[in-house]
Structures are given as structure tokens and as C-alpha cells.
N, C-alpha and C. Protein backbone atom coordinates (compact mmCIF):
# COMPACT_ATOMS: atom_id res chain seq x y z
N MET A 1 -8.24 -43.60 -76.02
CA MET A 1 -9.15 -42.89 -76.50
C MET A 1 -8.83 -41.73 -77.48
N SER A 2 -8.03 -41.40 -77.35
CA SER A 2 -7.24 -40.26 -78.31
C SER A 2 -7.87 -40.33 -79.71
N ARG A 3 -7.66 -41.44 -80.75
CA ARG A 3 -7.44 -41.75 -81.38
C ARG A 3 -8.77 -41.77 -82.26
N ILE A 4 -9.74 -41.94 -81.38
CA ILE A 4 -11.39 -42.29 -81.66
C ILE A 4 -11.72 -40.50 -81.60
N PRO A 5 -11.89 -39.76 -82.48
CA PRO A 5 -12.26 -38.52 -82.32
C PRO A 5 -13.65 -38.42 -81.79
N VAL A 6 -14.65 -39.07 -82.13
CA VAL A 6 -15.87 -38.92 -81.68
C VAL A 6 -16.31 -39.74 -80.19
N ILE A 7 -15.57 -40.45 -79.86
CA ILE A 7 -15.40 -41.40 -78.42
C ILE A 7 -14.34 -40.18 -77.34
N SER A 8 -13.44 -39.61 -78.15
CA SER A 8 -12.46 -38.78 -77.11
C SER A 8 -13.57 -37.77 -76.78
N GLY A 9 -14.50 -36.76 -77.74
CA GLY A 9 -14.73 -35.71 -77.68
C GLY A 9 -16.14 -35.84 -76.57
N ILE A 10 -17.12 -37.17 -76.56
CA ILE A 10 -18.05 -37.50 -75.92
C ILE A 10 -17.20 -37.53 -74.58
N LEU A 11 -16.11 -38.46 -74.26
CA LEU A 11 -15.46 -38.67 -72.97
C LEU A 11 -14.67 -37.49 -72.30
N GLY A 12 -14.02 -36.53 -73.15
CA GLY A 12 -13.53 -35.69 -72.79
C GLY A 12 -12.13 -35.87 -72.48
N GLY A 13 -11.78 -37.01 -73.32
CA GLY A 13 -10.01 -37.55 -73.48
C GLY A 13 -9.97 -38.41 -72.26
N GLN A 14 -11.05 -38.65 -71.53
CA GLN A 14 -10.79 -39.97 -70.25
C GLN A 14 -11.82 -40.64 -69.70
N LEU A 15 -11.64 -41.50 -69.56
CA LEU A 15 -12.65 -42.88 -68.60
C LEU A 15 -12.24 -42.71 -67.67
N VAL A 16 -13.04 -42.93 -66.46
CA VAL A 16 -12.88 -42.92 -65.15
C VAL A 16 -14.41 -43.53 -64.94
N SER A 17 -14.46 -44.81 -64.19
CA SER A 17 -15.70 -45.19 -63.52
C SER A 17 -15.45 -46.01 -62.29
N ILE A 18 -16.46 -46.24 -61.57
CA ILE A 18 -16.51 -47.08 -60.58
C ILE A 18 -17.11 -47.86 -60.60
N PRO A 19 -17.05 -49.20 -60.54
CA PRO A 19 -18.30 -50.32 -60.78
C PRO A 19 -18.88 -50.36 -59.68
N VAL A 20 -19.91 -50.16 -59.33
CA VAL A 20 -20.57 -50.69 -58.15
C VAL A 20 -22.23 -51.40 -58.61
N ALA A 21 -22.91 -51.97 -57.77
CA ALA A 21 -24.27 -52.90 -58.05
C ALA A 21 -25.43 -51.56 -57.16
N VAL A 22 -26.53 -51.84 -57.75
CA VAL A 22 -27.52 -50.84 -56.81
C VAL A 22 -28.60 -52.15 -56.67
N SER A 23 -29.19 -52.21 -55.76
CA SER A 23 -30.17 -53.18 -55.27
C SER A 23 -31.16 -52.20 -54.12
N GLY A 24 -32.22 -52.95 -53.83
CA GLY A 24 -33.23 -52.49 -52.62
C GLY A 24 -34.56 -51.34 -53.33
N SER A 25 -34.91 -50.41 -52.61
CA SER A 25 -35.99 -50.05 -53.45
C SER A 25 -35.49 -48.99 -53.68
N ILE A 26 -36.73 -47.88 -54.20
CA ILE A 26 -36.18 -46.48 -54.73
C ILE A 26 -35.94 -45.31 -53.55
N ASN A 27 -36.49 -45.86 -52.51
CA ASN A 27 -36.76 -45.50 -51.24
C ASN A 27 -35.35 -45.28 -50.34
N ASN A 28 -34.72 -46.61 -50.33
CA ASN A 28 -34.00 -47.24 -49.65
C ASN A 28 -32.99 -47.98 -50.38
N PRO A 29 -32.07 -47.42 -51.34
CA PRO A 29 -31.08 -47.91 -52.33
C PRO A 29 -29.96 -48.57 -51.64
N VAL A 30 -29.36 -49.82 -51.85
CA VAL A 30 -28.22 -49.99 -51.49
C VAL A 30 -26.85 -50.32 -52.49
N VAL A 31 -25.80 -49.87 -52.18
CA VAL A 31 -24.70 -49.51 -53.06
C VAL A 31 -24.00 -50.46 -52.47
N THR A 32 -23.37 -51.14 -53.59
CA THR A 32 -22.36 -52.32 -53.00
C THR A 32 -21.44 -52.00 -54.26
N PRO A 33 -20.20 -51.61 -53.96
CA PRO A 33 -18.79 -51.38 -55.15
C PRO A 33 -18.58 -52.90 -55.32
N LEU A 34 -18.27 -53.32 -56.42
CA LEU A 34 -17.96 -54.44 -57.17
C LEU A 34 -16.20 -54.65 -57.74
N SER A 35 -16.20 -55.70 -57.66
CA SER A 35 -14.73 -55.94 -58.39
C SER A 35 -14.45 -55.49 -59.43
N PRO A 36 -13.23 -55.43 -60.23
CA PRO A 36 -13.01 -55.26 -61.58
C PRO A 36 -13.36 -56.47 -62.40
N SER A 37 -13.05 -57.70 -61.47
CA SER A 37 -13.35 -59.16 -62.71
C SER A 37 -14.82 -59.27 -62.71
N ALA A 38 -15.65 -58.27 -61.64
CA ALA A 38 -17.14 -59.13 -62.37
C ALA A 38 -17.42 -58.05 -63.15
N VAL A 39 -16.97 -56.77 -63.06
CA VAL A 39 -17.07 -55.78 -64.52
C VAL A 39 -16.82 -56.52 -66.12
N GLY A 40 -15.71 -57.28 -65.82
CA GLY A 40 -15.27 -57.71 -67.08
C GLY A 40 -15.75 -58.64 -67.27
N ARG A 41 -16.45 -59.54 -66.87
CA ARG A 41 -17.41 -60.73 -66.89
C ARG A 41 -18.50 -60.05 -68.02
N GLU A 42 -18.99 -59.18 -66.80
CA GLU A 42 -20.17 -58.72 -67.46
C GLU A 42 -19.87 -57.82 -68.97
N LEU A 43 -19.22 -56.73 -69.19
CA LEU A 43 -18.55 -56.48 -70.23
C LEU A 43 -18.16 -57.93 -71.52
N LEU A 44 -17.63 -58.87 -71.17
CA LEU A 44 -17.49 -59.79 -72.30
C LEU A 44 -19.06 -60.06 -72.32
N GLY A 45 -19.66 -60.36 -71.70
CA GLY A 45 -21.43 -60.62 -71.85
C GLY A 45 -22.21 -60.10 -72.71
N LEU A 46 -21.82 -58.64 -72.48
CA LEU A 46 -22.37 -57.54 -73.25
C LEU A 46 -21.88 -57.57 -74.59
N MET A 47 -20.71 -57.77 -75.04
CA MET A 47 -20.18 -57.78 -75.87
C MET A 47 -20.21 -59.00 -76.96
N GLU A 48 -20.53 -60.32 -76.08
CA GLU A 48 -21.28 -61.62 -77.01
C GLU A 48 -22.47 -61.30 -77.36
N ARG A 49 -23.38 -60.86 -76.50
CA ARG A 49 -24.64 -60.73 -76.78
C ARG A 49 -24.88 -59.85 -77.72
N THR A 50 -24.17 -58.52 -78.26
CA THR A 50 -23.80 -57.76 -78.95
C THR A 50 -23.88 -58.17 -80.43
N LEU A 51 -22.63 -58.77 -80.21
CA LEU A 51 -22.16 -59.84 -81.69
C LEU A 51 -23.00 -60.85 -82.30
N SER A 52 -23.95 -61.52 -81.13
CA SER A 52 -24.90 -62.53 -81.23
C SER A 52 -25.96 -62.19 -81.86
N LEU A 53 -26.28 -60.68 -81.73
CA LEU A 53 -27.79 -60.54 -82.24
C LEU A 53 -28.23 -60.55 -83.52
N PRO A 54 -27.62 -60.06 -84.64
CA PRO A 54 -27.67 -60.31 -85.89
C PRO A 54 -28.19 -61.57 -86.20
N PHE A 55 -27.33 -62.99 -85.69
CA PHE A 55 -27.64 -63.94 -85.79
C PHE A 55 -29.20 -64.13 -85.08
N GLN A 56 -29.43 -63.46 -84.24
CA GLN A 56 -30.77 -64.01 -83.54
C GLN A 56 -31.83 -63.58 -83.90
N LEU A 57 -31.51 -62.34 -84.93
CA LEU A 57 -32.69 -62.16 -85.54
C LEU A 57 -33.13 -62.71 -86.92
N ILE A 58 -32.03 -63.30 -87.52
CA ILE A 58 -32.12 -63.79 -88.90
C ILE A 58 -32.40 -65.35 -88.70
N ALA A 59 -31.85 -66.09 -87.72
CA ALA A 59 -32.13 -67.57 -87.55
C ALA A 59 -33.45 -67.86 -87.84
N PRO A 60 -34.67 -67.12 -87.10
CA PRO A 60 -36.02 -67.61 -87.52
C PRO A 60 -36.34 -67.85 -89.08
N LEU A 61 -35.55 -66.78 -89.74
CA LEU A 61 -35.72 -66.54 -91.52
C LEU A 61 -35.12 -67.52 -91.79
N TRP A 62 -34.01 -68.56 -91.74
CA TRP A 62 -33.05 -69.14 -92.19
C TRP A 62 -33.75 -70.72 -92.32
N PRO A 63 -33.76 -71.30 -93.83
CA PRO A 63 -34.65 -72.33 -93.60
C PRO A 63 -33.87 -73.68 -92.74
N GLY A 64 -34.74 -74.58 -91.85
CA GLY A 64 -34.15 -75.61 -91.35
C GLY A 64 -33.34 -75.39 -90.02
N SER A 65 -33.46 -74.09 -89.71
CA SER A 65 -32.49 -73.13 -88.46
C SER A 65 -33.54 -73.48 -87.37
N ASP A 66 -32.68 -74.30 -86.38
CA ASP A 66 -33.48 -74.21 -85.23
C ASP A 66 -32.63 -74.15 -84.06
N LYS A 67 -31.08 -73.90 -84.24
CA LYS A 67 -30.25 -73.33 -83.50
C LYS A 67 -30.15 -72.10 -82.78
N LYS A 68 -30.24 -71.99 -81.41
CA LYS A 68 -30.35 -70.69 -80.98
C LYS A 68 -28.90 -70.22 -80.42
N TRP A 69 -29.00 -69.10 -80.75
CA TRP A 69 -27.40 -68.35 -80.60
C TRP A 69 -27.32 -67.54 -79.39
């Protein structure tokens, strides 16, 4: 990340995170640590949704397009 000045500046040159899931009520939250593989799947899904978003936005405008991205 040191080669990306904006990201390096925002993160302070380091990225440290602990993946957790939070459920329950606001008064009684339940915090559960997640495995790295669960986080990897979620990040992959996030990337996929981000990259397909432009296609989802223009699909209704394309003549004869009934495909759902």
C-alpha cells in the first residue's frame, strides 16, 4: 500500500482488521469472530457487485435486453 499515496495516507501505511459479525439488539449485541475464508467470500461478492453495477444500470435502457446481471 505504500505505492498508493492516497490509500497509504488514509490508512497510515498499515491495514489491520479483525473480521467480526454483529447480531442481536442495540442493547445486547452479539459479536462473533469470523474466519478469514468468510471474509474472502464477502469481499469477492462485494467486488462482483461493484463491477456489475454499471451493467445493471444501463440494462433497462438497452433495446431487447432482458438479462439480469
